[in-house]
Structures are given as structure tokens and as C-alpha cells.
């Protein structure tokens, strides 16, 4: 038989703790953010956070830069609070 305490306990959070990203005030690419964070977030996680921030209105897509070789890179900027 198991006995239950009358106190309510909150279950422990499982998994990795969330990493907050401070967006640069100047124009930036996802690659630059990934490099500045080091190994704390993967490239895919940075792209996911950027897409969520764009949907929430925190970031704006400025342009897409097409290098000579490779895939185009999106350039973002943080929305100013006016």
C-alpha cells in the first residue's frame, strides 16, 4: 500500500533548460547568432527560435543574400520599440 501526502508536489521539469537568445540590435543572419552562442544551441534550434520570433513580431526579415555558391541566407533585424 502506498500512502499519499496531503501536500501537493509539482512534478519536476524534464529535459533541457530553455536557452534565451538576445537578438543583436543590428542586422544579422542565423549563422552569426549560432556562432555567437557557441555550442549552447544547434543551428536548427536557432532557426526555430528565429521563426517563432518572426511570427511573434519580435524580428523582421530584411532581405535574402544569395552567395555565389550555396543556399541563400536570410538577414533579420530586431523590431524597434517606438
Protein backbone atom coordinates (compact mmCIF):
# COMPACT_ATOMS: atom_id res chain seq x y z
CA UNK A 1 0.00 0.00 0.00
CA UNK A 2 1.22 3.45 -0.83
CA UNK A 3 0.43 6.47 1.24
CA UNK A 4 -0.12 9.89 -0.24
CA UNK A 5 0.97 13.09 1.43
CA UNK A 6 -1.60 15.81 1.81
CA UNK A 7 0.88 18.26 0.29
CA UNK A 8 0.70 18.79 -3.43
CA UNK A 9 4.03 18.48 -5.17
CA UNK A 10 4.78 19.84 -8.59
CA UNK A 11 6.36 17.35 -10.95
CA UNK A 12 9.97 18.01 -11.88
CA UNK A 13 10.55 19.53 -15.28
CA UNK A 14 12.22 17.05 -17.56
CA UNK A 15 14.65 17.73 -20.34
CA UNK A 16 16.96 20.57 -21.12
CA UNK A 17 16.53 24.04 -19.67
CA UNK A 18 15.42 26.64 -22.21
CA UNK A 19 18.09 28.92 -23.65
CA UNK A 20 17.13 32.56 -24.06
CA UNK A 21 18.55 34.36 -27.08
CA UNK A 22 19.29 38.08 -27.01
CA UNK A 23 18.87 39.26 -30.59
CA UNK A 24 21.50 41.72 -31.88
CA UNK A 25 20.38 45.31 -32.49
CA UNK A 26 21.97 45.32 -35.95
CA UNK A 27 21.18 43.17 -38.99
CA UNK A 28 22.17 39.53 -38.50
CA UNK A 29 21.89 36.05 -40.01
CA UNK A 30 21.12 32.78 -38.26
CA UNK A 31 24.73 31.69 -38.81
CA UNK A 32 26.03 34.72 -36.89
CA UNK A 33 23.70 34.01 -33.95
CA UNK A 34 24.75 30.35 -33.92
CA UNK A 35 28.43 31.34 -33.82
CA UNK A 36 27.88 33.90 -31.05
CA UNK A 37 26.10 31.35 -28.84
CA UNK A 38 28.83 28.77 -29.26
CA UNK A 39 27.67 25.23 -28.66
CA UNK A 40 24.70 26.08 -26.43
CA UNK A 41 22.20 25.80 -29.33
CA UNK A 42 22.26 23.93 -32.61
CA UNK A 43 21.76 25.58 -35.99
CA UNK A 44 18.27 24.07 -36.27
CA UNK A 45 17.27 25.34 -32.82
CA UNK A 46 18.42 28.86 -33.71
CA UNK A 47 16.35 28.75 -36.92
CA UNK A 48 13.34 27.54 -34.93
CA UNK A 49 13.68 30.39 -32.43
CA UNK A 50 14.07 32.91 -35.27
CA UNK A 51 10.92 31.62 -37.00
CA UNK A 52 8.95 31.87 -33.73
CA UNK A 53 10.26 35.41 -33.14
CA UNK A 54 9.25 36.45 -36.68
CA UNK A 55 5.73 35.07 -36.11
CA UNK A 56 5.53 36.86 -32.76
CA UNK A 57 6.62 40.13 -34.36
CA UNK A 58 9.92 40.45 -32.50
CA UNK A 59 12.08 40.14 -35.64
CA UNK A 60 11.67 41.29 -39.24
CA UNK A 61 13.06 39.65 -42.37
CA UNK A 62 15.08 42.36 -44.12
CA UNK A 63 16.47 40.61 -47.18
CA UNK A 64 17.85 37.39 -48.59
CA UNK A 65 21.51 37.37 -49.61
CA UNK A 66 22.39 35.00 -52.47
CA UNK A 67 26.07 34.00 -52.35
CA UNK A 68 27.89 32.79 -55.48
CA UNK A 69 27.68 29.21 -54.24
CA UNK A 70 25.35 27.64 -51.73
CA UNK A 71 21.97 28.45 -50.32
CA UNK A 72 20.65 31.97 -49.80
CA UNK A 73 20.92 33.47 -46.32
CA UNK A 74 18.13 35.42 -44.68
CA UNK A 75 19.03 38.67 -42.92
CA UNK A 76 16.91 39.70 -39.92
CA UNK A 77 16.69 42.75 -37.70
CA UNK A 78 15.12 43.25 -34.28
CA UNK A 79 11.96 45.37 -34.38
CA UNK A 80 12.39 48.70 -32.70
CA UNK A 81 10.02 49.67 -29.91
CA UNK A 82 8.58 53.06 -30.85
